[in-house]
Protein backbone atom coordinates (compact mmCIF):
# COMPACT_ATOMS: atom_id res chain seq x y z
CA MET A 1 7.87 -5.83 19.84
CA TYR A 2 7.42 -2.94 17.50
CA ARG A 3 4.56 -2.03 20.11
CA LEU A 4 6.40 -1.61 22.68
CA LEU A 5 8.15 1.18 21.21
CA ASP A 6 5.84 2.96 20.66
CA ALA A 7 4.82 2.62 24.50
CA LEU A 8 8.01 3.01 26.04
CA PRO A 9 8.34 6.64 25.12
CA VAL A 10 6.06 7.04 28.21
CA PHE A 11 9.08 6.34 30.53
CA ALA A 12 10.83 9.13 28.54
CA GLY A 13 13.07 11.74 30.87
CA ASP A 14 12.92 9.16 34.22
CA ALA A 15 17.08 7.98 34.97
CA ARG A 16 14.54 6.26 37.60
CA ILE A 17 13.91 4.04 35.01
CA THR A 18 16.12 1.25 33.55
CA ARG A 19 14.68 -0.33 30.16
CA LEU A 20 15.45 -4.23 29.17
CA PHE A 21 14.53 -6.15 26.28
CA THR A 22 14.24 -10.22 26.73
CA LEU A 23 12.95 -12.38 24.42
CA VAL A 24 10.95 -15.11 24.80
CA PRO A 25 11.84 -18.52 23.07
CA GLY A 26 9.94 -20.41 20.67
CA SER A 27 9.29 -17.85 18.28
CA ASP A 28 9.34 -18.01 14.71
CA PHE A 29 10.49 -14.31 14.12
CA GLY A 30 13.14 -13.74 17.25
CA ALA A 31 15.87 -13.26 14.84
CA ASP A 32 13.98 -10.02 13.94
CA ALA A 33 13.20 -8.53 16.68
CA LEU A 34 16.40 -8.60 18.44
CA CYS A 35 18.19 -6.75 15.84
CA ALA A 36 15.14 -3.88 16.01
CA ILE A 37 16.56 -3.67 19.33
CA ASP A 38 20.07 -3.24 18.22
CA ALA A 39 20.05 -0.58 15.74
CA LEU A 40 17.57 1.23 18.38
CA GLY A 41 20.82 0.39 20.72
CA GLY A 42 18.51 -1.35 23.44
CA ARG A 43 20.37 -3.09 25.80
CA THR A 44 19.46 -6.94 25.96
CA VAL A 45 19.17 -9.77 28.29
CA PRO A 46 19.10 -13.55 27.42
CA TRP A 47 15.99 -14.98 27.91
CA SER A 48 18.29 -17.94 30.66
CA GLU A 49 19.38 -14.24 32.54
CA ALA A 50 16.26 -12.84 32.96
CA CYS A 51 14.05 -15.73 34.62
CA GLY A 52 13.47 -15.81 37.62
CA HIS A 53 14.58 -12.17 38.98
CA GLN A 54 11.87 -10.05 40.72
CA TYR A 55 11.07 -7.10 38.06
CA ASP A 56 9.17 -3.75 39.23
CA LEU A 57 6.94 -3.95 35.71
CA VAL A 58 6.68 -6.65 32.64
CA VAL A 59 5.62 -5.19 29.50
CA THR A 60 4.35 -7.66 26.64
CA ALA A 61 2.55 -6.85 23.47
CA SER A 62 1.29 -11.04 23.40
CA PRO A 63 -0.20 -13.27 26.30
CA LYS A 64 1.98 -16.20 23.96
CA GLY A 65 5.57 -17.64 25.78
CA ASP A 66 5.74 -18.62 29.44
CA LEU A 67 5.80 -14.64 30.62
CA GLY A 68 5.59 -16.16 33.93
CA LEU A 69 8.56 -16.99 34.90
CA LEU A 70 9.60 -12.76 34.07
CA LEU A 71 8.67 -11.65 38.01
CA GLY A 72 6.25 -8.74 38.41
CA PRO A 73 3.29 -7.12 37.92
CA HIS A 74 2.70 -7.41 33.82
CA VAL A 75 1.54 -4.95 31.92
CA LEU A 76 -0.46 -6.37 28.74
CA LEU A 77 -0.30 -3.79 25.40
CA PRO A 78 -2.73 -3.95 22.26
CA HIS A 79 -1.70 -5.72 19.72
CA GLY A 80 -2.73 -4.66 16.42
CA ALA A 81 -5.94 -3.32 15.78
CA GLY A 82 -8.19 -5.21 17.97
CA PHE A 83 -9.30 -8.84 17.59
CA ASN A 84 -9.69 -9.47 13.54
CA LYS A 85 -7.96 -12.87 12.80
CA SER A 86 -7.46 -16.20 13.61
CA ILE A 87 -3.89 -18.01 13.90
CA ARG A 88 -4.64 -21.32 12.02
CA GLY A 89 -3.10 -24.36 13.89
CA GLU A 90 -2.30 -22.12 17.22
CA GLY A 91 -3.93 -21.91 20.17
CA SER A 92 -7.89 -22.88 20.38
CA ALA A 93 -9.89 -23.27 17.36
CA ASP A 94 -11.17 -20.21 16.19
CA SER A 95 -10.44 -17.81 18.52
CA ALA A 96 -8.42 -14.70 17.88
CA SER A 97 -5.45 -13.29 18.26
CA GLY A 98 -5.05 -11.86 21.11
CA LEU A 99 -8.33 -13.24 23.22
CA ASP A 100 -7.30 -17.16 23.34
CA PRO A 101 -7.79 -18.15 26.60
CA ALA A 102 -5.71 -20.81 26.04
CA TYR A 103 -2.78 -17.88 26.85
CA LEU A 104 -4.59 -15.70 28.52
CA ARG A 105 -5.47 -18.24 31.03
CA ARG A 106 -1.52 -19.26 31.16
CA ALA A 107 -0.87 -16.06 32.64
CA HIS A 108 -2.77 -16.20 35.49
CA GLY A 109 -0.49 -18.51 37.36
CA ARG A 110 3.10 -16.61 38.92
CA ALA A 111 2.60 -13.30 37.29
CA PRO A 112 -0.58 -12.77 36.58
CA THR A 113 -1.46 -9.61 34.12
CA ALA A 114 -1.98 -6.09 36.07
CA LEU A 115 -3.20 -4.50 33.59
CA HIS A 116 -4.84 -5.66 30.09
CA ALA A 117 -4.57 -2.12 27.82
CA LEU A 118 -7.21 -2.26 25.54
CA ALA A 119 -7.94 -0.37 22.57
CA HIS A 120 -11.85 -0.14 22.56
CA PRO A 121 -14.57 -0.39 25.22
CA ASP A 122 -15.97 -3.68 23.02
CA GLN A 123 -12.06 -5.11 23.57
CA VAL A 124 -13.09 -5.02 26.96
CA THR A 125 -16.52 -7.27 26.40
CA ARG A 126 -14.98 -10.09 23.87
CA LEU A 127 -12.51 -9.99 26.52
CA ALA A 128 -14.31 -11.03 28.91
CA ALA A 129 -16.22 -13.11 27.66
CA VAL A 130 -13.83 -15.55 26.99
CA ASP A 131 -11.44 -15.07 30.17
CA SER A 132 -13.89 -13.03 33.45
CA GLN A 133 -10.43 -13.06 35.60
CA ALA A 134 -8.44 -11.09 32.86
CA ALA A 135 -10.92 -8.69 32.00
CA ARG A 136 -10.81 -7.38 35.57
CA HIS A 137 -7.92 -5.69 34.82
CA ALA A 138 -8.74 -4.67 31.26
CA LYS A 139 -9.01 -0.92 30.82
CA VAL A 140 -9.43 1.12 27.56
CA ILE A 141 -6.34 2.93 27.43
CA GLY A 142 -5.85 3.63 23.28
CA ASP A 143 -3.77 2.82 21.30
CA LEU A 144 0.07 4.76 21.31
CA THR A 145 0.88 3.79 17.25
CA LEU A 146 -2.35 4.56 16.19
CA GLU A 147 -1.54 8.25 18.75
CA ARG A 148 1.84 8.22 17.11
CA ILE A 149 -0.21 8.31 13.31
CA LEU A 150 -3.01 10.80 14.17
CA THR A 151 -0.03 13.10 15.44
CA SER A 152 2.39 13.29 12.39
CA ALA A 153 -0.96 13.82 9.93
CA SER A 154 0.01 17.02 9.58
CA LEU A 155 3.65 15.65 8.00
CA ARG A 156 1.64 14.05 5.11
CA ASP A 157 3.25 16.58 2.91
CA GLN A 158 6.81 16.24 4.49
CA TYR A 159 6.53 12.47 3.89
CA ARG A 160 5.42 13.05 0.32
CA GLY A 161 8.25 15.26 -0.54
CA ALA A 162 10.85 12.43 1.31
CA LEU A 163 8.41 9.46 -0.89
CA GLY A 164 8.81 12.10 -4.52
CA THR A 165 5.03 11.63 -4.72
CA GLY A 166 4.53 14.71 -6.03
CA ALA A 167 1.18 15.19 -8.02
CA ARG A 168 0.63 11.27 -8.01
CA LYS A 169 -1.93 8.79 -6.09
CA LEU A 170 0.24 6.77 -3.59
CA VAL A 171 -1.77 3.18 -3.53
CA VAL A 172 -0.16 1.23 -1.09
CA LEU A 173 -0.78 -2.31 -0.73
CA ALA A 174 -1.52 -3.57 2.68
CA SER A 175 -0.14 -7.11 3.38
CA THR A 176 -0.53 -9.42 6.63
CA TRP A 177 1.03 -13.15 7.07
CA GLY A 178 0.45 -16.25 6.90
CA PRO A 179 -1.23 -17.72 4.00
CA GLU A 180 -4.29 -15.44 3.48
CA SER A 181 -2.15 -12.58 3.34
CA LEU A 182 -1.60 -10.60 0.92
CA LEU A 183 1.45 -11.54 -0.83
CA ARG A 184 0.13 -15.15 0.21
CA GLN A 185 -2.65 -15.09 -2.36
CA HIS A 186 -1.59 -12.29 -4.85
CA PRO A 187 2.54 -12.47 -5.39
CA GLY A 188 2.64 -10.59 -8.23
CA LEU A 189 -0.28 -8.19 -7.25
CA ALA A 190 2.43 -5.76 -7.30
CA ALA A 191 4.15 -5.79 -10.58
CA ARG A 192 1.01 -6.45 -12.44
CA LEU A 193 -0.34 -2.73 -10.54
CA ALA A 194 3.13 -1.64 -11.49
CA ALA A 195 1.89 -2.27 -16.02
CA HIS A 196 -1.57 -1.42 -15.56
CA LEU A 197 -1.07 2.13 -13.80
CA PRO A 198 0.96 4.69 -15.37
CA TYR A 199 4.04 5.63 -13.70
CA ASP A 200 3.36 9.38 -13.72
CA GLU A 201 0.05 9.50 -12.22
CA TYR A 202 0.13 6.80 -9.83
CA GLN A 203 2.92 5.37 -7.09
CA LEU A 204 3.20 2.26 -5.43
CA ALA A 205 4.59 0.93 -1.49
CA LEU A 206 4.34 -2.31 -0.36
CA VAL A 207 3.45 -2.68 3.69
CA VAL A 208 4.63 -6.22 4.94
CA HIS A 209 3.64 -7.53 8.38
CA PRO A 210 6.91 -7.86 10.48
CA ASN A 211 6.25 -11.08 10.97
CA GLU A 212 6.37 -12.05 6.76
CA ARG A 213 9.05 -10.06 6.44
CA SER A 214 11.08 -12.29 9.28
CA GLN A 215 9.68 -15.45 8.24
CA LEU A 216 11.02 -14.46 4.27
CA GLY A 217 13.95 -12.12 5.00
CA THR A 218 14.38 -9.14 3.38
CA TYR A 219 16.95 -10.51 0.86
CA GLU A 220 14.39 -12.81 0.22
CA LEU A 221 11.47 -10.51 0.14
CA ALA A 222 13.09 -7.77 -2.04
CA GLU A 223 14.36 -10.93 -5.32
CA ARG A 224 10.56 -11.75 -4.97
CA LEU A 225 8.62 -8.19 -5.28
CA ALA A 226 12.27 -7.75 -8.09
CA PRO A 227 9.77 -6.79 -10.77
CA ALA A 228 7.91 -4.06 -8.75
CA LEU A 229 10.63 -2.74 -6.82
CA ASP A 230 12.70 -2.31 -9.88
CA ALA A 231 9.30 -0.52 -11.16
CA GLY A 232 9.91 2.71 -8.26
CA MET A 233 7.96 0.68 -5.53
CA ILE A 234 8.49 1.31 -1.81
CA LEU A 235 9.34 -0.63 0.41
CA PRO A 236 8.92 0.70 3.87
CA ASP A 237 10.30 -0.35 7.46
CA PRO A 238 8.01 -2.32 9.44
CA HIS A 239 9.36 -0.24 12.53
CA GLU A 240 7.75 3.52 11.88
CA GLU A 241 7.83 3.80 8.19
CA TRP A 242 4.82 1.87 7.12
CA ALA A 243 2.76 4.31 8.95
CA SER A 244 4.36 7.65 7.55
CA VAL A 245 3.07 5.62 4.37
CA LEU A 246 0.06 5.49 4.90
CA ILE A 247 -0.15 9.01 5.94
CA ALA A 248 0.87 9.59 2.31
CA ALA A 249 -1.51 7.60 1.08
CA ASP A 250 -4.15 8.63 -1.52
CA ALA A 251 -5.43 5.03 -1.45
CA LEU A 252 -5.68 1.52 0.50
CA VAL A 253 -5.13 -1.59 -1.47
CA THR A 254 -5.74 -4.38 1.56
CA ASP A 255 -5.85 -7.85 2.70
CA HIS A 256 -7.52 -8.82 6.85
CA GLY A 257 -4.87 -7.44 8.05
CA SER A 258 -5.20 -4.51 10.40
CA ALA A 259 -2.68 -1.92 8.58
CA ALA A 260 -5.92 -1.07 7.86
CA LEU A 261 -7.70 0.05 10.56
CA TYR A 262 -5.05 3.11 11.21
CA TYR A 263 -5.45 4.12 7.76
CA CYS A 264 -8.59 4.47 7.81
CA ALA A 265 -8.11 6.13 11.32
CA ALA A 266 -5.93 8.78 10.38
CA GLN A 267 -8.04 9.59 6.74
CA ASP A 268 -11.50 7.87 5.11
CA ARG A 269 -10.06 7.56 1.50
CA PRO A 270 -10.22 4.56 -0.49
CA VAL A 271 -10.06 1.57 0.50
CA VAL A 272 -10.37 -1.39 -1.60
CA GLY A 273 -10.21 -5.12 -0.31
CA VAL A 274 -8.51 -8.21 -2.04
CA HIS A 275 -9.11 -10.99 0.34
CA GLN A 276 -9.93 -13.97 -0.92
CA GLY A 277 -12.11 -15.04 2.24
CA GLY A 278 -11.02 -18.67 4.01
CA GLY A 279 -10.74 -19.29 7.68
CA GLU A 280 -8.31 -16.18 9.45
CA LEU A 281 -10.75 -13.40 9.81
CA ILE A 282 -13.53 -13.15 12.52
CA PRO A 283 -16.99 -11.99 11.65
CA GLY A 284 -17.92 -9.02 12.74
CA SER A 285 -14.72 -8.05 14.00
CA PRO A 286 -13.76 -4.11 12.30
CA MET A 287 -11.82 -5.81 9.78
CA ASP A 288 -14.90 -8.05 8.51
CA MET A 289 -16.82 -4.76 9.02
CA LEU A 290 -14.12 -2.79 6.54
CA LEU A 291 -13.56 -5.44 4.09
CA GLY A 292 -17.77 -6.36 3.96
CA ARG A 293 -18.63 -2.88 2.79
CA ALA A 294 -15.60 -1.46 0.67
CA PRO A 295 -14.97 -2.26 -3.13
CA TYR A 296 -13.53 -5.94 -4.08
CA ALA A 297 -10.92 -6.29 -6.97
CA GLU A 298 -10.27 -9.09 -8.14
CA ARG A 299 -8.01 -8.52 -10.84
CA ALA A 300 -5.19 -5.57 -10.76
CA GLU A 301 -6.70 -4.62 -14.13
CA ASP A 302 -9.99 -3.65 -11.44
CA VAL A 303 -8.17 -1.51 -8.86
CA ALA A 304 -8.68 1.58 -10.41
CA ASP A 305 -12.36 1.19 -11.14
CA ALA A 306 -12.78 -0.31 -7.97
CA LEU A 307 -11.21 2.77 -6.05
CA ARG A 308 -12.77 4.97 -7.69
CA ALA A 309 -15.95 3.32 -6.43
CA TYR A 310 -15.31 4.18 -2.87
CA ARG A 311 -17.38 6.38 -1.53
CA PRO A 312 -17.03 7.86 2.11
CA GLY A 313 -17.67 6.22 5.42
CA PRO A 314 -16.29 2.52 5.51
CA GLY A 315 -12.89 3.41 6.44
CA LEU A 316 -14.30 5.77 9.14
CA ALA A 317 -17.16 3.38 10.51
CA ALA A 318 -14.52 0.00 10.84
CA ALA A 319 -12.15 2.54 12.60
CA GLN A 320 -14.45 3.66 15.15
CA ALA A 321 -15.44 0.32 16.15
CA ALA A 322 -11.27 -0.74 16.35
CA PHE A 323 -10.27 2.57 18.22
CA ALA A 324 -12.00 4.55 20.94
CA PRO A 325 -11.26 8.25 20.64
CA ALA A 326 -8.12 9.62 20.12
CA GLY A 327 -5.84 11.74 21.73
CA ASP A 328 -5.50 11.00 26.18
CA ALA A 329 -3.81 7.59 25.46
CA VAL A 330 -0.41 8.57 26.23
CA ASP A 331 -1.39 9.85 29.51
CA ARG A 332 -3.64 7.39 30.19
CA LEU A 333 -1.11 4.45 30.14
CA ARG A 334 1.68 6.41 32.04
CA SER A 335 -0.71 7.30 34.49
CA GLU A 336 -1.64 3.19 35.02
CA VAL A 337 2.32 2.06 34.73
CA TYR A 338 4.05 4.39 37.30
CA ALA A 339 0.92 3.97 39.75
CA LEU A 340 1.98 0.03 39.26
CA ILE A 341 5.67 0.06 40.51
CA GLY A 342 4.57 2.77 42.93
CA LEU A 343 6.34 6.10 42.12
CA ALA A 344 5.44 9.74 40.55
CA PRO A 345 6.16 10.43 37.12
CA PRO A 346 8.29 12.97 36.38
CA ALA A 347 7.22 16.32 35.76
CA ASN A 348 8.40 16.99 32.25
CA ASN A 349 5.71 16.77 29.54
CA VAL A 350 5.55 12.99 27.53
CA THR A 351 3.62 12.90 24.51
CA ALA A 352 3.08 10.67 20.88
CA ARG A 353 6.23 11.09 19.42
CA LEU A 354 5.99 11.88 15.44
CA LEU A 355 6.80 9.69 12.52
CA PRO A 356 9.59 9.40 10.59
CA SER A 357 10.13 10.83 6.94
CA PRO A 358 10.37 7.48 5.55
CA ALA A 359 12.63 6.64 2.44
CA PRO A 360 12.26 6.75 -1.06
CA ALA A 361 12.60 4.05 -3.68
CA ALA A 362 15.32 2.05 -3.41
CA ARG A 363 14.91 2.31 -7.04
CA VAL A 364 13.49 4.24 -10.00
CA PRO A 365 12.82 2.80 -13.82
CA ALA A 366 14.79 4.78 -16.43
CA ALA A 367 13.68 3.48 -19.14
CA PHE A 368 9.77 4.00 -19.64
CA ASP A 369 6.85 1.97 -22.53
CA VAL A 370 5.28 5.34 -23.73
CA HIS A 371 2.01 5.38 -25.27
CA ALA A 372 1.49 8.19 -27.59
CA GLU A 373 -2.43 9.41 -28.85
CA THR A 374 -2.03 12.77 -30.94
CA THR A 375 -5.54 14.35 -31.01
CA PRO A 376 -6.26 17.48 -32.74
CA LEU A 377 -6.12 18.56 -29.38
CA GLY A 378 -2.95 17.63 -28.85
CA VAL A 379 -0.40 14.48 -27.37
CA ARG A 380 -1.75 12.36 -24.77
CA ILE A 381 1.61 10.29 -22.98
CA THR A 382 1.17 7.52 -20.82
CA ARG A 383 4.11 6.21 -19.21
CA TYR A 384 5.20 3.08 -17.70
CA PRO A 385 8.31 1.07 -16.85
CA ALA A 386 9.90 -0.41 -19.66
CA GLY A 387 9.27 -5.19 -19.37
CA LEU A 388 6.60 -5.13 -17.90
CA GLY A 389 3.64 -4.25 -20.46
CA LEU A 390 2.58 -3.88 -24.28
CA PRO A 391 5.26 -1.57 -26.06
CA GLY A 392 4.07 1.61 -26.42
CA HIS A 393 4.73 4.02 -29.29
CA HIS A 394 8.09 4.26 -28.90
CA LEU A 395 11.01 3.57 -25.61
CA ALA A 396 11.67 6.09 -23.77
CA VAL A 397 15.55 5.90 -21.90
CA GLU A 398 17.28 8.04 -19.31
CA HIS A 399 20.91 6.92 -20.87
CA GLY A 400 23.79 6.81 -18.15
CA ALA A 401 20.73 5.17 -15.96
CA ALA A 402 19.60 2.09 -18.05
CA GLY A 403 21.31 -0.77 -19.04
CA GLU A 404 23.25 -0.53 -22.91
CA GLN A 405 21.27 -2.62 -24.18
CA LEU A 406 17.76 -0.40 -23.31
CA ALA A 407 20.29 2.45 -24.67
CA ARG A 408 20.78 0.83 -27.69
CA SER A 409 17.02 -0.57 -28.49
CA ALA A 410 15.27 3.63 -27.37
CA GLY A 411 13.49 5.26 -29.88
CA LEU A 412 14.38 8.55 -27.81
CA LEU A 413 17.86 8.81 -25.55
CA TYR A 414 18.08 11.44 -22.95
CA ARG A 415 20.26 12.57 -20.64
CA ARG A 416 19.97 14.39 -17.74
CA PRO A 417 23.28 16.87 -16.66
CA LEU A 418 25.70 15.64 -14.41
CA PRO A 419 26.91 16.59 -10.66
CA ALA A 420 29.54 19.26 -11.36
CA SER A 421 32.84 17.54 -11.82
CA ALA A 422 35.67 18.56 -8.98
CA ALA A 423 38.52 17.08 -11.42
CA PRO A 424 41.38 19.21 -11.88
CA VAL A 425 41.52 19.38 -15.86
CA ASP A 426 37.48 18.44 -16.45
CA LEU A 427 36.29 17.32 -19.69
CA ALA A 428 32.51 17.65 -20.45
CA TRP A 429 29.91 17.93 -22.87
CA THR A 430 27.92 20.21 -24.08
CA ALA A 431 24.06 19.55 -25.20
CA ASP A 432 24.60 20.17 -28.80
CA GLY A 433 27.70 17.78 -29.44
CA TRP A 434 25.71 14.98 -26.43
CA THR A 435 22.41 14.88 -28.86
CA ARG A 436 25.12 14.93 -31.92
CA HIS A 437 27.14 11.89 -30.35
CA ALA A 438 24.33 9.41 -29.52
CA LEU A 439 22.47 9.67 -32.54
CA SER A 440 25.74 8.16 -34.26
CA ALA A 441 26.02 5.93 -31.69
CA TYR A 442 23.21 4.34 -30.87
CA PRO A 443 21.35 4.22 -34.72
CA GLY A 444 18.39 2.66 -34.06
CA CYS A 445 17.68 5.98 -32.22
CA ARG A 446 15.51 8.30 -33.41
CA SER A 447 15.83 11.90 -30.93
CA ALA A 448 18.60 12.37 -28.43
CA ALA A 449 17.68 15.06 -25.90
CA ALA A 450 19.97 16.40 -23.49
CA LEU A 451 18.08 18.25 -19.98
CA LEU A 452 19.44 21.66 -19.97
CA PRO A 453 21.35 22.89 -16.78
CA SER A 454 19.29 26.44 -16.99
CA GLY A 455 15.56 24.67 -17.47
CA GLY A 456 14.12 23.52 -20.86
CA CYS A 457 15.82 20.87 -23.33
CA LEU A 458 18.15 20.52 -25.78
CA LEU A 459 16.75 18.08 -28.76
CA HIS A 460 18.19 16.47 -31.82
CA VAL A 461 15.69 14.87 -34.14
CA ARG A 462 17.65 12.12 -37.06
CA GLY A 463 17.42 13.88 -40.57
CA HIS A 464 16.39 16.64 -39.21
CA GLU A 465 18.96 19.97 -40.24
CA HIS A 466 19.02 22.04 -37.14
CA SER A 467 18.01 21.26 -33.39
CA TYR A 468 15.12 22.58 -31.24
CA THR A 469 14.79 24.01 -27.30
CA VAL A 470 11.52 21.91 -25.65
CA GLU A 471 10.24 23.96 -23.02
CA VAL A 472 7.27 22.97 -20.70
CA GLU A 473 5.42 25.62 -18.61
CA PRO A 474 4.20 24.62 -15.39
CA ARG A 475 0.49 24.54 -13.50
CA SER A 476 -1.09 26.25 -11.28
CA GLU A 477 -4.06 25.04 -9.81
CA ALA A 478 -5.34 26.36 -6.20
CA GLY A 479 -2.17 27.79 -4.94
CA ARG A 480 -0.33 24.92 -5.67
CA ILE A 481 2.28 24.66 -8.83
CA VAL A 482 2.33 21.22 -10.52
CA GLN A 483 5.83 20.51 -12.89
CA ILE A 484 6.12 17.47 -15.30
CA ASP A 485 9.29 15.80 -15.58
CA PRO A 486 10.85 17.25 -18.78
CA ALA A 487 11.27 13.90 -20.07
CA ILE A 488 7.89 13.82 -20.48
CA ALA A 489 8.06 16.31 -22.17
CA LEU A 490 10.42 14.83 -24.71
CA SER A 491 7.75 12.03 -25.54
CA ALA A 492 5.18 14.37 -26.57
CA VAL A 493 7.60 16.70 -28.84
CA HIS A 494 9.14 13.17 -30.10
CA ALA A 495 5.66 12.10 -30.73
CA ARG A 496 5.18 14.64 -33.29
CA LEU A 497 8.06 15.07 -35.13
CA ALA A 498 9.02 11.64 -35.67
CA GLY A 499 5.25 10.84 -35.89
CA PRO A 500 3.46 9.93 -39.31
CA GLN A 501 2.63 13.93 -39.66
CA PRO A 502 5.39 15.21 -38.56
CA LEU A 503 5.22 18.72 -37.84
CA THR A 504 7.33 21.42 -40.54
CA ASP A 505 7.55 24.44 -38.74
CA SER A 506 10.43 25.11 -36.02
CA HIS A 507 7.97 27.10 -34.04
CA ALA A 508 5.49 25.58 -32.06
CA VAL A 509 2.59 25.11 -29.39
CA ILE A 510 1.45 21.85 -28.22
CA THR A 511 -0.65 20.43 -25.46
CA CYS A 512 0.69 17.06 -23.34
CA PHE A 513 -2.17 15.78 -21.92
CA VAL A 514 -0.74 13.55 -18.50
CA GLY A 515 -3.73 11.74 -16.43
CA GLU A 516 -6.09 14.11 -15.80
CA ARG A 517 -4.03 17.49 -16.13
CA ALA A 518 -2.67 19.53 -19.52
CA PHE A 519 0.44 21.01 -20.15
CA ARG A 520 1.70 23.48 -22.57
CA ILE A 521 5.45 22.72 -24.39
CA THR A 522 6.84 24.96 -26.20
CA LEU A 523 8.61 23.94 -29.39
CA ARG A 524 11.72 26.34 -31.26
CA ALA A 525 14.99 25.97 -33.01
CA ALA A 526 17.38 26.04 -30.44
CA THR A 527 19.97 28.88 -30.13
CA GLY A 528 23.67 28.58 -29.78
CA THR A 529 24.20 29.78 -26.45
CA GLU A 530 22.05 27.09 -25.34
CA ALA A 531 23.59 24.30 -27.63
CA ALA A 532 26.54 25.06 -26.25
CA GLN A 533 25.72 24.28 -22.36
CA LEU A 534 27.51 22.50 -20.57
CA ILE A 535 25.68 18.84 -19.12
């Protein structure tokens, strides 16, 4: 269904064309397809009503089902990036999905295919090998989904901004559907990666095939992925957001699904395979080529090293084997379909539509197990969402965003400024008042801090006579500025002030290491003005 939505804009601006949607019976995934059309405001026609009518054009993305009951010239669009996998228990044994002669020959009856649109010349050759009659109507058109991805590549920074990626590496997990998929073979991989990859260095996303989402249901899928989603993992929409996320990605962890080929076509960035083998992957296919040359990770703990081991080449080579040179697929398809319906295309120019910005993570962690390593050079801070791995030096908790149980277990408790109040008579804490209150209300807490609206933080440490101001300097990198969450700086200062060899001077400079970056933190006694700021 989503392939059709990417292609139908070839008719944009033409009032002579009426677009109707119907669902071929027998699919296990039909309910979500209809919901997707309804969400877009498309007009659907019941199958019983659609059958037997004569149409000027019938556009499908699969040869399966009783398509011959829809009368008119048929256009079959690519479904996925080539012919990479077989589907167990469906059609002819060992046939690639989309090349199964049992389905292709069924279409030669009442409503034969007038155009079989393919994305690469090799796909025409493979089609001819299994069905010479179908190959007579095959043409290399290109891939409309790929066109949208390539057209939208310049929006990468915008997509990363929408996701809240920042200076982190965005690692995307891609799962196809079926028994050999990432989700079925490695159901806990996302949560294990969230526990293993430092939160301030990596961001996770999971792209799930629409069939898998439909089979499980959105609620069931989210519940199964709850530990990873609680840790801030992104679960993009299966229509357009998944492609935006691939553009934003720095690395991909994939099974044998073809989403990886779209990622590789847009950018030659690291790819790691986790497919354990089986009968679905077609030997010699582009995905087989990719997985045969990309690093393999058996465990979550191996993924970071495998990503570093990737060398450019395999991804681009696999994409070139799946897609013909891109750039004119929209024009090619437009010319072909208008020729079939006997009309001249409108004068307006039609191009691949830009992909929308993806939504950020639905949940972000508000409590962290903080690992602090103090050396003569400074303090290295590594944070992981609380509860996923081993405890660290201290538990840092954002008050008002995490649960009370976590707040009562915190070694460092901090609070961000509240939005402006609309109350006719307002009541607000000062920074000094809240930090003193927090140390009194939470006896297990060693340090309490308030992030100040003016920048910086006010920190109170139990047993210290005065409060501190903590300020962190941004870092300049090749014309860009890198800034860390002040909560990271608070953990570095907390580790120094509450450690076995605490600072004795009320003014100090601390170097905080986060991954490969170093940040300069200034610690000094707070002024009365800072202590009185409202939070």
